[in-house]
Amino acid sequence: MPDRDSAAIVTRGLTKAYRVTRPRTGRLAGLRTLFAPVYDERTVVSDLSLSVARGELVGLLGPNGAGKSTTIKMLTGILTPTSGEVWVDGRVPHTDRLANAHSVGAVFGQKTQLWWDLPARHSFGLIRDIFNLSTADYERQLRDVDQILGISEFWDTPVRLMSLGQRVRCDMAAAVLHDPPILFLDEPTIGMDVVAKEKTREFLLQQVRERGRAVVLTTHDMTDVARLCERVLLINHGRLMFDGTLEEMKRKHGARPRVHVTFGEPVAEVAVPGATLLSHEGARATLAPDDGTTPEDVVRAVIARFPVVGLTVAETDLEELMRDAYQAEAHV
């Protein structure tokens, strides 16, 4: 694992657990819970060890409740770990929160750091004063983010009157105004239209490639993953299940091409040597080549056996791949 001072983020055995009151039933259950509570411990993040290099964009992925947001909150210093070690930009975030705030920027798609009743540009000015930015640095940063995000069109509008996409783009700008080396994004494109999403993706790539920021992105949007993430960290039930590139994940989880066939008439049974039937309904079927069989072999066998009017070969859909990965790792 990289050295904690050279890497942007390093965690070792990071764990977060909560005490949860066990509900009682029966007569006087409320009083017994109040005066003699019984607690259960719920572990949300368990023994998480990972690293993120400077200038790297990493996807932190997993199903709902996997522990992604809790991990982000520990990395930003909002939460204190139950056990384990964590360093962000060489600091322990929960013990050095003031310095850590200067090193990180964060965007939470469901929340905003902007003042609700003020125009976004006024919020930017307040952030400038909080971080004691010079006028030249502030104006340069604002000009740079506006070139890609196009926020000057609406930054004089009160935040409460903005669309979701406009508000999140302003939140993106606010997160980088103080020029942090590390950026955390928790579901930043949720609810955005396609135009706003594209601007956001372009902005993130520019932040990594030109500014050298380390970016940690949590998302359920597989297009974001395919377009942005150099590497993915898959967590489930609070544990790190996979760390690698999408290509490595495809190899690990047996991503196979799919042969989609449309027949000239409904077919009662579809059986093709060297292929596994994945779905079949009337005049449509989807097959996957078995080990040692190519898609071309399957195509030739299908055409030789059935009246085919349409046929396509496609790679495994990324959303399907991620679903298979979640399910496979959940049973490890």
C-alpha atoms as a PDB file:
ATOM      1  CA  MET A   1       0.000   0.000   0.000  1.00  0.00           C
ATOM      2  CA  PRO A   2       1.347   3.496  -0.844  1.00  0.00           C
ATOM      3  CA  ASP A   3       2.835   5.669   1.867  1.00  0.00           C
ATOM      4  CA  ARG A   4       0.267   7.775   3.720  1.00  0.00           C
ATOM      5  CA  ASP A   5       2.135  10.999   2.877  1.00  0.00           C
ATOM      6  CA  SER A   6       2.577  10.315  -0.850  1.00  0.00           C
ATOM      7  CA  ALA A   7      -0.970   9.086  -1.519  1.00  0.00           C
ATOM      8  CA  ALA A   8      -4.038  11.316  -1.389  1.00  0.00           C
ATOM      9  CA  ILE A   9      -6.011   8.837   0.741  1.00  0.00           C
ATOM     10  CA  VAL A  10      -4.947   5.792   2.747  1.00  0.00           C
ATOM     11  CA  THR A  11      -7.091   3.688   5.085  1.00  0.00           C
ATOM     12  CA  ARG A  12      -6.086   0.615   7.094  1.00  0.00           C
ATOM     13  CA  GLY A  13      -8.685  -1.529   8.818  1.00  0.00           C
ATOM     14  CA  LEU A  14     -11.172   1.369   8.840  1.00  0.00           C
ATOM     15  CA  THR A  15     -14.306   0.378  10.771  1.00  0.00           C
ATOM     16  CA  LYS A  16     -17.469   2.193  11.810  1.00  0.00           C
ATOM     17  CA  ALA A  17     -20.077   0.637  14.090  1.00  0.00           C
ATOM     18  CA  TYR A  18     -23.150   2.066  15.774  1.00  0.00           C
ATOM     19  CA  ARG A  19     -25.049   1.048  18.894  1.00  0.00           C
ATOM     20  CA  VAL A  20     -28.719   0.639  18.051  1.00  0.00           C
ATOM     21  CA  THR A  21     -31.464   0.254  20.649  1.00  0.00           C
ATOM     22  CA  ARG A  22     -33.244  -3.074  20.294  1.00  0.00           C
ATOM     23  CA  PRO A  23     -37.020  -2.523  20.099  1.00  0.00           C
ATOM     24  CA  ARG A  24     -39.143  -4.242  22.748  1.00  0.00           C
ATOM     25  CA  THR A  25     -42.576  -5.739  22.381  1.00  0.00           C
ATOM     26  CA  GLY A  26     -45.326  -6.547  24.789  1.00  0.00           C
ATOM     27  CA  ARG A  27     -46.720  -4.812  27.834  1.00  0.00           C
ATOM     28  CA  LEU A  28     -44.878  -1.669  28.977  1.00  0.00           C
ATOM     29  CA  ALA A  29     -42.391  -2.110  26.117  1.00  0.00           C
ATOM     30  CA  GLY A  30     -41.804   1.650  25.884  1.00  0.00           C
ATOM     31  CA  LEU A  31     -40.957   1.980  29.578  1.00  0.00           C
ATOM     32  CA  ARG A  32     -38.636  -1.032  29.533  1.00  0.00           C
ATOM     33  CA  THR A  33     -36.858   0.355  26.471  1.00  0.00           C
ATOM     34  CA  LEU A  34     -36.484   3.739  28.197  1.00  0.00           C
ATOM     35  CA  PHE A  35     -35.207   2.536  31.592  1.00  0.00           C
ATOM     36  CA  ALA A  36     -33.482  -0.758  30.687  1.00  0.00           C
ATOM     37  CA  PRO A  37     -32.411  -0.445  27.057  1.00  0.00           C
ATOM     38  CA  VAL A  38     -30.753  -3.330  25.264  1.00  0.00           C
ATOM     39  CA  TYR A  39     -28.323  -2.435  22.511  1.00  0.00           C
ATOM     40  CA  ASP A  40     -27.229  -4.184  19.331  1.00  0.00           C
ATOM     41  CA  GLU A  41     -24.073  -3.223  17.487  1.00  0.00           C
ATOM     42  CA  ARG A  42     -24.401  -2.574  13.785  1.00  0.00           C
ATOM     43  CA  THR A  43     -21.184  -2.490  11.749  1.00  0.00           C
ATOM     44  CA  VAL A  44     -21.588  -0.253   8.695  1.00  0.00           C
ATOM     45  CA  VAL A  45     -17.970  -0.242   7.479  1.00  0.00           C
ATOM     46  CA  SER A  46     -15.714  -3.168   8.338  1.00  0.00           C
ATOM     47  CA  ASP A  47     -11.911  -3.487   8.069  1.00  0.00           C
ATOM     48  CA  LEU A  48     -11.678  -1.242   5.001  1.00  0.00           C
ATOM     49  CA  SER A  49      -8.158  -0.848   3.601  1.00  0.00           C
ATOM     50  CA  LEU A  50      -7.642   1.148   0.415  1.00  0.00           C
ATOM     51  CA  SER A  51      -5.597   3.909  -1.166  1.00  0.00           C
ATOM     52  CA  VAL A  52      -6.206   6.605  -3.769  1.00  0.00           C
ATOM     53  CA  ALA A  53      -3.302   8.228  -5.593  1.00  0.00           C
ATOM     54  CA  ARG A  54      -3.058  11.930  -6.315  1.00  0.00           C
ATOM     55  CA  GLY A  55      -4.548  12.758  -9.710  1.00  0.00           C
ATOM     56  CA  GLU A  56      -6.695   9.593  -9.767  1.00  0.00           C
ATOM     57  CA  LEU A  57     -10.474   9.325 -10.259  1.00  0.00           C
ATOM     58  CA  VAL A  58     -11.869   6.339  -8.377  1.00  0.00           C
ATOM     59  CA  GLY A  59     -15.429   5.035  -8.296  1.00  0.00           C
ATOM     60  CA  LEU A  60     -16.621   3.876  -4.862  1.00  0.00           C
ATOM     61  CA  LEU A  61     -19.462   1.559  -5.831  1.00  0.00           C
ATOM     62  CA  GLY A  62     -21.930  -0.695  -4.098  1.00  0.00           C
ATOM     63  CA  PRO A  63     -25.643  -1.288  -3.559  1.00  0.00           C
ATOM     64  CA  ASN A  64     -27.738   0.887  -1.262  1.00  0.00           C
ATOM     65  CA  GLY A  65     -26.679   0.461   2.354  1.00  0.00           C
ATOM     66  CA  ALA A  66     -23.226  -0.872   1.431  1.00  0.00           C
ATOM     67  CA  GLY A  67     -21.415   1.778   3.499  1.00  0.00           C
ATOM     68  CA  LYS A  68     -20.354   4.202   0.750  1.00  0.00           C
ATOM     69  CA  SER A  69     -21.678   7.406   2.304  1.00  0.00           C
ATOM     70  CA  THR A  70     -20.406   6.428   5.760  1.00  0.00           C
ATOM     71  CA  THR A  71     -16.945   5.903   4.263  1.00  0.00           C
ATOM     72  CA  ILE A  72     -17.046   9.330   2.603  1.00  0.00           C
ATOM     73  CA  LYS A  73     -18.098  10.925   5.900  1.00  0.00           C
ATOM     74  CA  MET A  74     -15.128   9.364   7.696  1.00  0.00           C
ATOM     75  CA  LEU A  75     -12.769  10.533   4.947  1.00  0.00           C
ATOM     76  CA  THR A  76     -14.086  14.090   5.228  1.00  0.00           C
ATOM     77  CA  GLY A  77     -13.839  14.072   9.028  1.00  0.00           C
ATOM     78  CA  ILE A  78     -17.589  14.293   9.637  1.00  0.00           C
ATOM     79  CA  LEU A  79     -17.588  10.917  11.398  1.00  0.00           C
ATOM     80  CA  THR A  80     -14.987   9.428  13.743  1.00  0.00           C
ATOM     81  CA  PRO A  81     -14.073   5.799  12.993  1.00  0.00           C
ATOM     82  CA  THR A  82     -14.743   3.154  15.611  1.00  0.00           C
ATOM     83  CA  SER A  83     -11.347   1.620  14.850  1.00  0.00           C
ATOM     84  CA  GLY A  84      -8.679   1.538  12.167  1.00  0.00           C
ATOM     85  CA  GLU A  85      -6.562   4.280  10.633  1.00  0.00           C
ATOM     86  CA  VAL A  86      -7.239   6.900   7.964  1.00  0.00           C
ATOM     87  CA  TRP A  87      -5.110   9.618   6.381  1.00  0.00           C
ATOM     88  CA  VAL A  88      -6.317  12.212   3.890  1.00  0.00           C
ATOM     89  CA  ASP A  89      -3.609  14.399   2.365  1.00  0.00           C
ATOM     90  CA  GLY A  90      -1.301  13.106   5.099  1.00  0.00           C
ATOM     91  CA  ARG A  91      -3.660  14.081   7.958  1.00  0.00           C
ATOM     92  CA  VAL A  92      -6.097  12.235  10.189  1.00  0.00           C
ATOM     93  CA  PRO A  93      -9.339  13.965   9.148  1.00  0.00           C
ATOM     94  CA  HIS A  94     -11.361  13.629  12.362  1.00  0.00           C
ATOM     95  CA  THR A  95      -8.539  14.908  14.604  1.00  0.00           C
ATOM     96  CA  ASP A  96      -7.404  17.758  12.338  1.00  0.00           C
ATOM     97  CA  ARG A  97     -10.700  18.920  10.896  1.00  0.00           C
ATOM     98  CA  LEU A  98      -9.740  22.537  10.216  1.00  0.00           C
ATOM     99  CA  ALA A  99      -6.688  21.649   8.108  1.00  0.00           C
ATOM    100  CA  ASN A 100      -8.597  18.790   6.496  1.00  0.00           C
ATOM    101  CA  ALA A 101     -11.333  21.197   5.397  1.00  0.00           C
ATOM    102  CA  HIS A 102      -8.729  23.101   3.374  1.00  0.00           C
ATOM    103  CA  SER A 103      -7.549  19.880   1.705  1.00  0.00           C
ATOM    104  CA  VAL A 104     -10.905  18.520   0.581  1.00  0.00           C
ATOM    105  CA  GLY A 105     -13.978  19.587  -1.328  1.00  0.00           C
ATOM    106  CA  ALA A 106     -17.251  17.668  -1.121  1.00  0.00           C
ATOM    107  CA  VAL A 107     -20.520  17.517  -3.034  1.00  0.00           C
ATOM    108  CA  PHE A 108     -23.476  15.532  -1.723  1.00  0.00           C
ATOM    109  CA  GLY A 109     -26.157  15.244  -4.391  1.00  0.00           C
ATOM    110  CA  GLN A 110     -29.021  15.360  -1.894  1.00  0.00           C
ATOM    111  CA  LYS A 111     -27.657  18.334   0.101  1.00  0.00           C
ATOM    112  CA  THR A 112     -26.158  21.734  -0.636  1.00  0.00           C
ATOM    113  CA  GLN A 113     -23.465  23.887   0.941  1.00  0.00           C
ATOM    114  CA  LEU A 114     -24.950  27.010  -0.666  1.00  0.00           C
ATOM    115  CA  TRP A 115     -27.131  29.464   1.242  1.00  0.00           C
ATOM    116  CA  TRP A 116     -30.681  28.634   0.217  1.00  0.00           C
ATOM    117  CA  ASP A 117     -32.149  32.142  -0.097  1.00  0.00           C
ATOM    118  CA  LEU A 118     -29.068  33.846  -1.564  1.00  0.00           C
ATOM    119  CA  PRO A 119     -27.855  33.908  -5.147  1.00  0.00           C
ATOM    120  CA  ALA A 120     -25.073  31.354  -5.667  1.00  0.00           C
ATOM    121  CA  ARG A 121     -22.546  34.110  -6.372  1.00  0.00           C
ATOM    122  CA  HIS A 122     -23.092  35.512  -2.858  1.00  0.00           C
ATOM    123  CA  SER A 123     -22.392  32.054  -1.440  1.00  0.00           C
ATOM    124  CA  PHE A 124     -19.179  31.934  -3.461  1.00  0.00           C
ATOM    125  CA  GLY A 125     -18.144  35.238  -1.879  1.00  0.00           C
ATOM    126  CA  LEU A 126     -18.772  33.856   1.608  1.00  0.00           C
ATOM    127  CA  ILE A 127     -16.693  30.763   0.803  1.00  0.00           C
ATOM    128  CA  ARG A 128     -13.909  33.074  -0.431  1.00  0.00           C
ATOM    129  CA  ASP A 129     -13.905  34.832   2.947  1.00  0.00           C
ATOM    130  CA  ILE A 130     -14.047  31.568   4.928  1.00  0.00           C
ATOM    131  CA  PHE A 131     -10.933  30.242   3.172  1.00  0.00           C
ATOM    132  CA  ASN A 132      -9.270  33.680   3.037  1.00  0.00           C
ATOM    133  CA  LEU A 133      -8.737  33.554  -0.733  1.00  0.00           C
ATOM    134  CA  SER A 134      -7.106  36.452  -2.489  1.00  0.00           C
ATOM    135  CA  THR A 135      -9.247  38.347  -4.988  1.00  0.00           C
ATOM    136  CA  ALA A 136      -7.004  37.207  -7.865  1.00  0.00           C
ATOM    137  CA  ASP A 137      -7.173  33.520  -6.880  1.00  0.00           C
ATOM    138  CA  TYR A 138     -10.916  33.681  -6.319  1.00  0.00           C
ATOM    139  CA  GLU A 139     -11.646  35.321  -9.663  1.00  0.00           C
ATOM    140  CA  ARG A 140      -9.332  32.920 -11.513  1.00  0.00           C
ATOM    141  CA  GLN A 141     -10.985  29.862  -9.945  1.00  0.00           C
ATOM    142  CA  LEU A 142     -14.462  31.191 -10.644  1.00  0.00           C
ATOM    143  CA  ARG A 143     -13.563  31.962 -14.248  1.00  0.00           C
ATOM    144  CA  ASP A 144     -12.066  28.500 -14.775  1.00  0.00           C
ATOM    145  CA  VAL A 145     -15.074  26.581 -13.434  1.00  0.00           C
ATOM    146  CA  ASP A 146     -17.507  28.806 -15.336  1.00  0.00           C
ATOM    147  CA  GLN A 147     -15.815  27.966 -18.629  1.00  0.00           C
ATOM    148  CA  ILE A 148     -16.899  24.333 -18.318  1.00  0.00           C
ATOM    149  CA  LEU A 149     -19.922  24.366 -16.006  1.00  0.00           C
ATOM    150  CA  GLY A 150     -21.520  27.492 -17.485  1.00  0.00           C
ATOM    151  CA  ILE A 151     -22.831  28.690 -14.126  1.00  0.00           C
ATOM    152  CA  SER A 152     -22.684  32.438 -14.832  1.00  0.00           C
ATOM    153  CA  GLU A 153     -26.010  32.098 -16.672  1.00  0.00           C
ATOM    154  CA  PHE A 154     -27.830  31.502 -13.382  1.00  0.00           C
ATOM    155  CA  TRP A 155     -25.472  32.328 -10.472  1.00  0.00           C
ATOM    156  CA  ASP A 156     -27.448  35.496  -9.685  1.00  0.00           C
ATOM    157  CA  THR A 157     -30.572  33.357  -9.106  1.00  0.00           C
ATOM    158  CA  PRO A 158     -31.441  32.408  -5.504  1.00  0.00           C
ATOM    159  CA  VAL A 159     -30.478  28.791  -4.913  1.00  0.00           C
ATOM    160  CA  ARG A 160     -34.029  27.831  -3.943  1.00  0.00           C
ATOM    161  CA  LEU A 161     -35.223  28.835  -7.433  1.00  0.00           C
ATOM    162  CA  MET A 162     -32.597  26.805  -9.318  1.00  0.00           C
ATOM    163  CA  SER A 163     -33.199  23.462 -10.961  1.00  0.00           C
ATOM    164  CA  LEU A 164     -31.429  20.468  -9.415  1.00  0.00           C
ATOM    165  CA  GLY A 165     -28.862  20.375 -12.211  1.00  0.00           C
ATOM    166  CA  GLN A 166     -28.079  24.094 -11.852  1.00  0.00           C
ATOM    167  CA  ARG A 167     -27.760  23.807  -8.087  1.00  0.00           C
ATOM    168  CA  VAL A 168     -25.388  20.821  -8.210  1.00  0.00           C
ATOM    169  CA  ARG A 169     -23.205  22.561 -10.806  1.00  0.00           C
ATOM    170  CA  CYS A 170     -22.933  25.531  -8.440  1.00  0.00           C
ATOM    171  CA  ASP A 171     -22.132  23.128  -5.606  1.00  0.00           C
ATOM    172  CA  MET A 172     -19.339  21.698  -7.791  1.00  0.00           C
ATOM    173  CA  ALA A 173     -17.924  25.179  -8.247  1.00  0.00           C
ATOM    174  CA  ALA A 174     -18.161  25.924  -4.525  1.00  0.00           C
ATOM    175  CA  ALA A 175     -16.336  22.677  -3.685  1.00  0.00           C
ATOM    176  CA  VAL A 176     -13.241  23.624  -5.707  1.00  0.00           C
ATOM    177  CA  LEU A 177     -13.058  27.380  -5.124  1.00  0.00           C
ATOM    178  CA  HIS A 178     -10.380  26.953  -2.432  1.00  0.00           C
ATOM    179  CA  ASP A 179      -8.386  24.676  -4.808  1.00  0.00           C
ATOM    180  CA  PRO A 180      -8.384  21.469  -2.692  1.00  0.00           C
ATOM    181  CA  PRO A 181      -6.204  18.543  -3.826  1.00  0.00           C
ATOM    182  CA  ILE A 182      -8.976  16.012  -3.034  1.00  0.00           C
ATOM    183  CA  LEU A 183     -12.633  15.995  -4.082  1.00  0.00           C
ATOM    184  CA  PHE A 184     -15.402  13.757  -2.711  1.00  0.00           C
ATOM    185  CA  LEU A 185     -18.603  13.377  -4.718  1.00  0.00           C
ATOM    186  CA  ASP A 186     -21.559  11.434  -3.307  1.00  0.00           C
ATOM    187  CA  GLU A 187     -24.172  10.824  -6.045  1.00  0.00           C
ATOM    188  CA  PRO A 188     -23.495  14.215  -7.679  1.00  0.00           C
ATOM    189  CA  THR A 189     -25.447  13.584 -10.908  1.00  0.00           C
ATOM    190  CA  ILE A 190     -28.596  12.181  -9.319  1.00  0.00           C
ATOM    191  CA  GLY A 191     -31.697  13.666 -10.968  1.00  0.00           C
ATOM    192  CA  MET A 192     -29.723  15.654 -13.567  1.00  0.00           C
ATOM    193  CA  ASP A 193     -30.758  15.934 -17.197  1.00  0.00           C
ATOM    194  CA  VAL A 194     -28.375  14.692 -19.895  1.00  0.00           C
ATOM    195  CA  VAL A 195     -26.934  18.165 -20.609  1.00  0.00           C
ATOM    196  CA  ALA A 196     -26.109  18.861 -16.969  1.00  0.00           C
ATOM    197  CA  LYS A 197     -24.595  15.385 -16.582  1.00  0.00           C
ATOM    198  CA  GLU A 198     -22.337  15.898 -19.566  1.00  0.00           C
ATOM    199  CA  LYS A 199     -21.100  19.251 -18.263  1.00  0.00           C
ATOM    200  CA  THR A 200     -20.431  17.682 -14.871  1.00  0.00           C
ATOM    201  CA  ARG A 201     -18.459  14.786 -16.402  1.00  0.00           C
ATOM    202  CA  GLU A 202     -16.393  17.180 -18.506  1.00  0.00           C
ATOM    203  CA  PHE A 203     -15.663  19.244 -15.408  1.00  0.00           C
ATOM    204  CA  LEU A 204     -14.536  16.229 -13.375  1.00  0.00           C
ATOM    205  CA  LEU A 205     -12.201  14.982 -16.091  1.00  0.00           C
ATOM    206  CA  GLN A 206     -10.682  18.471 -16.324  1.00  0.00           C
ATOM    207  CA  GLN A 207     -10.161  18.559 -12.547  1.00  0.00           C
ATOM    208  CA  VAL A 208      -8.241  15.270 -12.655  1.00  0.00           C
ATOM    209  CA  ARG A 209      -6.249  15.706 -15.865  1.00  0.00           C
ATOM    210  CA  GLU A 210      -5.356  19.382 -15.652  1.00  0.00           C
ATOM    211  CA  ARG A 211      -5.510  20.110 -11.907  1.00  0.00           C
ATOM    212  CA  GLY A 212      -4.247  16.751 -10.649  1.00  0.00           C
ATOM    213  CA  ARG A 213      -7.001  16.399  -8.065  1.00  0.00           C
ATOM    214  CA  ALA A 214      -7.803  13.026  -6.542  1.00  0.00           C
ATOM    215  CA  VAL A 215     -11.534  12.392  -6.958  1.00  0.00           C
ATOM    216  CA  VAL A 216     -13.635   9.775  -5.140  1.00  0.00           C
ATOM    217  CA  LEU A 217     -17.029   9.305  -6.777  1.00  0.00           C
ATOM    218  CA  THR A 218     -19.997   7.311  -5.512  1.00  0.00           C
ATOM    219  CA  THR A 219     -22.745   6.760  -8.054  1.00  0.00           C
ATOM    220  CA  HIS A 220     -25.356   4.311  -9.319  1.00  0.00           C
ATOM    221  CA  ASP A 221     -25.115   5.765 -12.834  1.00  0.00           C
ATOM    222  CA  MET A 222     -23.155   3.212 -14.852  1.00  0.00           C
ATOM    223  CA  THR A 223     -22.528   5.763 -17.607  1.00  0.00           C
ATOM    224  CA  ASP A 224     -20.642   7.875 -15.045  1.00  0.00           C
ATOM    225  CA  VAL A 225     -18.579   4.814 -14.147  1.00  0.00           C
ATOM    226  CA  ALA A 226     -17.771   3.922 -17.751  1.00  0.00           C
ATOM    227  CA  ARG A 227     -16.931   7.494 -18.768  1.00  0.00           C
ATOM    228  CA  LEU A 228     -15.016   8.631 -15.697  1.00  0.00           C
ATOM    229  CA  CYS A 229     -13.587   5.922 -13.471  1.00  0.00           C
ATOM    230  CA  GLU A 230     -10.028   4.735 -14.000  1.00  0.00           C
ATOM    231  CA  ARG A 231     -10.514   2.280 -11.151  1.00  0.00           C
ATOM    232  CA  VAL A 232     -13.445   0.987  -9.126  1.00  0.00           C
ATOM    233  CA  LEU A 233     -13.699   0.004  -5.480  1.00  0.00           C
ATOM    234  CA  LEU A 234     -16.660  -2.301  -4.886  1.00  0.00           C
ATOM    235  CA  ILE A 235     -17.942  -2.483  -1.322  1.00  0.00           C
ATOM    236  CA  ASN A 236     -20.838  -4.497   0.046  1.00  0.00           C
ATOM    237  CA  HIS A 237     -21.965  -4.899   3.662  1.00  0.00           C
ATOM    238  CA  GLY A 238     -19.188  -2.467   4.563  1.00  0.00           C
ATOM    239  CA  ARG A 239     -16.366  -4.640   3.202  1.00  0.00           C
ATOM    240  CA  LEU A 240     -14.086  -4.057   0.230  1.00  0.00           C
ATOM    241  CA  MET A 241     -14.945  -6.784  -2.286  1.00  0.00           C
ATOM    242  CA  PHE A 242     -13.044  -5.654  -5.367  1.00  0.00           C
ATOM    243  CA  ASP A 243     -10.322  -3.143  -6.244  1.00  0.00           C
ATOM    244  CA  GLY A 244      -9.298  -2.795  -9.877  1.00  0.00           C
ATOM    245  CA  THR A 245     -10.222  -1.575 -13.357  1.00  0.00           C
ATOM    246  CA  LEU A 246     -13.465  -2.315 -15.163  1.00  0.00           C
ATOM    247  CA  GLU A 247     -11.566  -4.624 -17.519  1.00  0.00           C
ATOM    248  CA  GLU A 248     -10.296  -6.603 -14.532  1.00  0.00           C
ATOM    249  CA  MET A 249     -13.831  -6.807 -13.186  1.00  0.00           C
ATOM    250  CA  LYS A 250     -15.072  -8.108 -16.540  1.00  0.00           C
ATOM    251  CA  ARG A 251     -12.424 -10.831 -16.510  1.00  0.00           C
ATOM    252  CA  LYS A 252     -13.109 -11.745 -12.881  1.00  0.00           C
ATOM    253  CA  HIS A 253     -16.869 -11.956 -13.236  1.00  0.00           C
ATOM    254  CA  GLY A 254     -16.926 -13.682 -16.598  1.00  0.00           C
ATOM    255  CA  ALA A 255     -18.260 -10.921 -18.783  1.00  0.00           C
ATOM    256  CA  ARG A 256     -19.228 -12.576 -22.059  1.00  0.00           C
ATOM    257  CA  PRO A 257     -20.576 -11.261 -25.353  1.00  0.00           C
ATOM    258  CA  ARG A 258     -24.286 -11.718 -25.927  1.00  0.00           C
ATOM    259  CA  VAL A 259     -25.816 -12.886 -29.204  1.00  0.00           C
ATOM    260  CA  HIS A 260     -29.308 -11.389 -29.660  1.00  0.00           C
ATOM    261  CA  VAL A 261     -31.402 -13.201 -32.266  1.00  0.00           C
ATOM    262  CA  THR A 262     -34.746 -12.408 -33.898  1.00  0.00           C
ATOM    263  CA  PHE A 263     -36.370 -15.323 -35.708  1.00  0.00           C
ATOM    264  CA  GLY A 264     -38.709 -15.117 -38.676  1.00  0.00           C
ATOM    265  CA  GLU A 265     -41.380 -16.915 -36.634  1.00  0.00           C
ATOM    266  CA  PRO A 266     -41.803 -18.040 -33.001  1.00  0.00           C
ATOM    267  CA  VAL A 267     -39.512 -20.937 -32.076  1.00  0.00           C
ATOM    268  CA  ALA A 268     -40.577 -23.509 -29.511  1.00  0.00           C
ATOM    269  CA  GLU A 269     -37.097 -24.474 -28.304  1.00  0.00           C
ATOM    270  CA  VAL A 270     -33.702 -22.835 -28.825  1.00  0.00           C
ATOM    271  CA  ALA A 271     -30.750 -25.193 -28.367  1.00  0.00           C
ATOM    272  CA  VAL A 272     -27.382 -24.262 -29.871  1.00  0.00           C
ATOM    273  CA  PRO A 273     -24.178 -26.289 -29.306  1.00  0.00           C
ATOM    274  CA  GLY A 274     -21.487 -24.275 -27.524  1.00  0.00           C
ATOM    275  CA  ALA A 275     -23.888 -21.619 -26.246  1.00  0.00           C
ATOM    276  CA  THR A 276     -25.982 -20.994 -23.126  1.00  0.00           C
ATOM    277  CA  LEU A 277     -29.529 -19.758 -23.605  1.00  0.00           C
ATOM    278  CA  LEU A 278     -30.023 -16.673 -21.419  1.00  0.00           C
ATOM    279  CA  SER A 279     -33.551 -15.705 -22.472  1.00  0.00           C
ATOM    280  CA  HIS A 280     -36.183 -16.800 -24.962  1.00  0.00           C
ATOM    281  CA  GLU A 281     -39.596 -15.379 -25.679  1.00  0.00           C
ATOM    282  CA  GLY A 282     -41.437 -16.220 -28.894  1.00  0.00           C
ATOM    283  CA  ALA A 283     -39.359 -15.027 -31.817  1.00  0.00           C
ATOM    284  CA  ARG A 284     -36.530 -13.534 -29.736  1.00  0.00           C
ATOM    285  CA  ALA A 285     -33.658 -15.134 -27.877  1.00  0.00           C
ATOM    286  CA  THR A 286     -30.348 -14.192 -26.255  1.00  0.00           C
ATOM    287  CA  LEU A 287     -27.407 -16.591 -26.050  1.00  0.00           C
ATOM    288  CA  ALA A 288     -23.916 -16.423 -24.544  1.00  0.00           C
ATOM    289  CA  PRO A 289     -20.937 -18.359 -25.973  1.00  0.00           C
ATOM    290  CA  ASP A 290     -19.569 -21.062 -23.682  1.00  0.00           C
ATOM    291  CA  ASP A 291     -15.864 -21.263 -22.851  1.00  0.00           C
ATOM    292  CA  GLY A 292     -13.924 -22.151 -25.970  1.00  0.00           C
ATOM    293  CA  THR A 293     -16.689 -20.899 -28.265  1.00  0.00           C
ATOM    294  CA  THR A 294     -16.591 -17.552 -30.064  1.00  0.00           C
ATOM    295  CA  PRO A 295     -19.587 -15.338 -30.873  1.00  0.00           C
ATOM    296  CA  GLU A 296     -18.931 -16.112 -34.551  1.00  0.00           C
ATOM    297  CA  ASP A 297     -19.339 -19.840 -33.833  1.00  0.00           C
ATOM    298  CA  VAL A 298     -22.685 -19.175 -32.164  1.00  0.00           C
ATOM    299  CA  VAL A 299     -23.854 -16.967 -35.030  1.00  0.00           C
ATOM    300  CA  ARG A 300     -23.036 -19.645 -37.616  1.00  0.00           C
ATOM    301  CA  ALA A 301     -24.785 -22.342 -35.559  1.00  0.00           C
ATOM    302  CA  VAL A 302     -27.925 -20.224 -35.077  1.00  0.00           C
ATOM    303  CA  ILE A 303     -28.180 -19.341 -38.769  1.00  0.00           C
ATOM    304  CA  ALA A 304     -27.729 -22.998 -39.733  1.00  0.00           C
ATOM    305  CA  ARG A 305     -30.585 -24.154 -37.441  1.00  0.00           C
ATOM    306  CA  PHE A 306     -33.209 -21.420 -37.422  1.00  0.00           C
ATOM    307  CA  PRO A 307     -34.956 -18.903 -39.730  1.00  0.00           C
ATOM    308  CA  VAL A 308     -33.088 -15.766 -38.614  1.00  0.00           C
ATOM    309  CA  VAL A 309     -34.202 -12.264 -39.677  1.00  0.00           C
ATOM    310  CA  GLY A 310     -32.133 -10.204 -37.238  1.00  0.00           C
ATOM    311  CA  LEU A 311     -28.939 -10.768 -35.280  1.00  0.00           C
ATOM    312  CA  THR A 312     -26.600  -8.608 -33.168  1.00  0.00           C
ATOM    313  CA  VAL A 313     -23.564  -9.298 -30.980  1.00  0.00           C
ATOM    314  CA  ALA A 314     -23.076  -7.032 -27.964  1.00  0.00           C
ATOM    315  CA  GLU A 315     -20.691  -6.810 -25.042  1.00  0.00           C
ATOM    316  CA  THR A 316     -22.000  -7.384 -21.537  1.00  0.00           C
ATOM    317  CA  ASP A 317     -23.962  -4.370 -20.345  1.00  0.00           C
ATOM    318  CA  LEU A 318     -22.082  -2.584 -17.546  1.00  0.00           C
ATOM    319  CA  GLU A 319     -25.169  -2.432 -15.361  1.00  0.00           C
ATOM    320  CA  GLU A 320     -25.590  -6.201 -15.724  1.00  0.00           C
ATOM    321  CA  LEU A 321     -21.903  -6.717 -14.941  1.00  0.00           C
ATOM    322  CA  MET A 322     -22.148  -4.666 -11.748  1.00  0.00           C
ATOM    323  CA  ARG A 323     -25.279  -6.537 -10.667  1.00  0.00           C
ATOM    324  CA  ASP A 324     -23.510  -9.869 -11.191  1.00  0.00           C
ATOM    325  CA  ALA A 325     -20.479  -8.575  -9.270  1.00  0.00           C
ATOM    326  CA  TYR A 326     -22.635  -7.470  -6.294  1.00  0.00           C
ATOM    327  CA  GLN A 327     -24.376 -10.842  -6.182  1.00  0.00           C
ATOM    328  CA  ALA A 328     -21.190 -12.878  -6.595  1.00  0.00           C
ATOM    329  CA  GLU A 329     -19.253 -10.970  -3.935  1.00  0.00           C
ATOM    330  CA  ALA A 330     -22.199 -11.056  -1.514  1.00  0.00           C
ATOM    331  CA  HIS A 331     -21.896 -14.853  -1.379  1.00  0.00           C
ATOM    332  CA  VAL A 332     -18.115 -14.944  -0.896  1.00  0.00           C
END
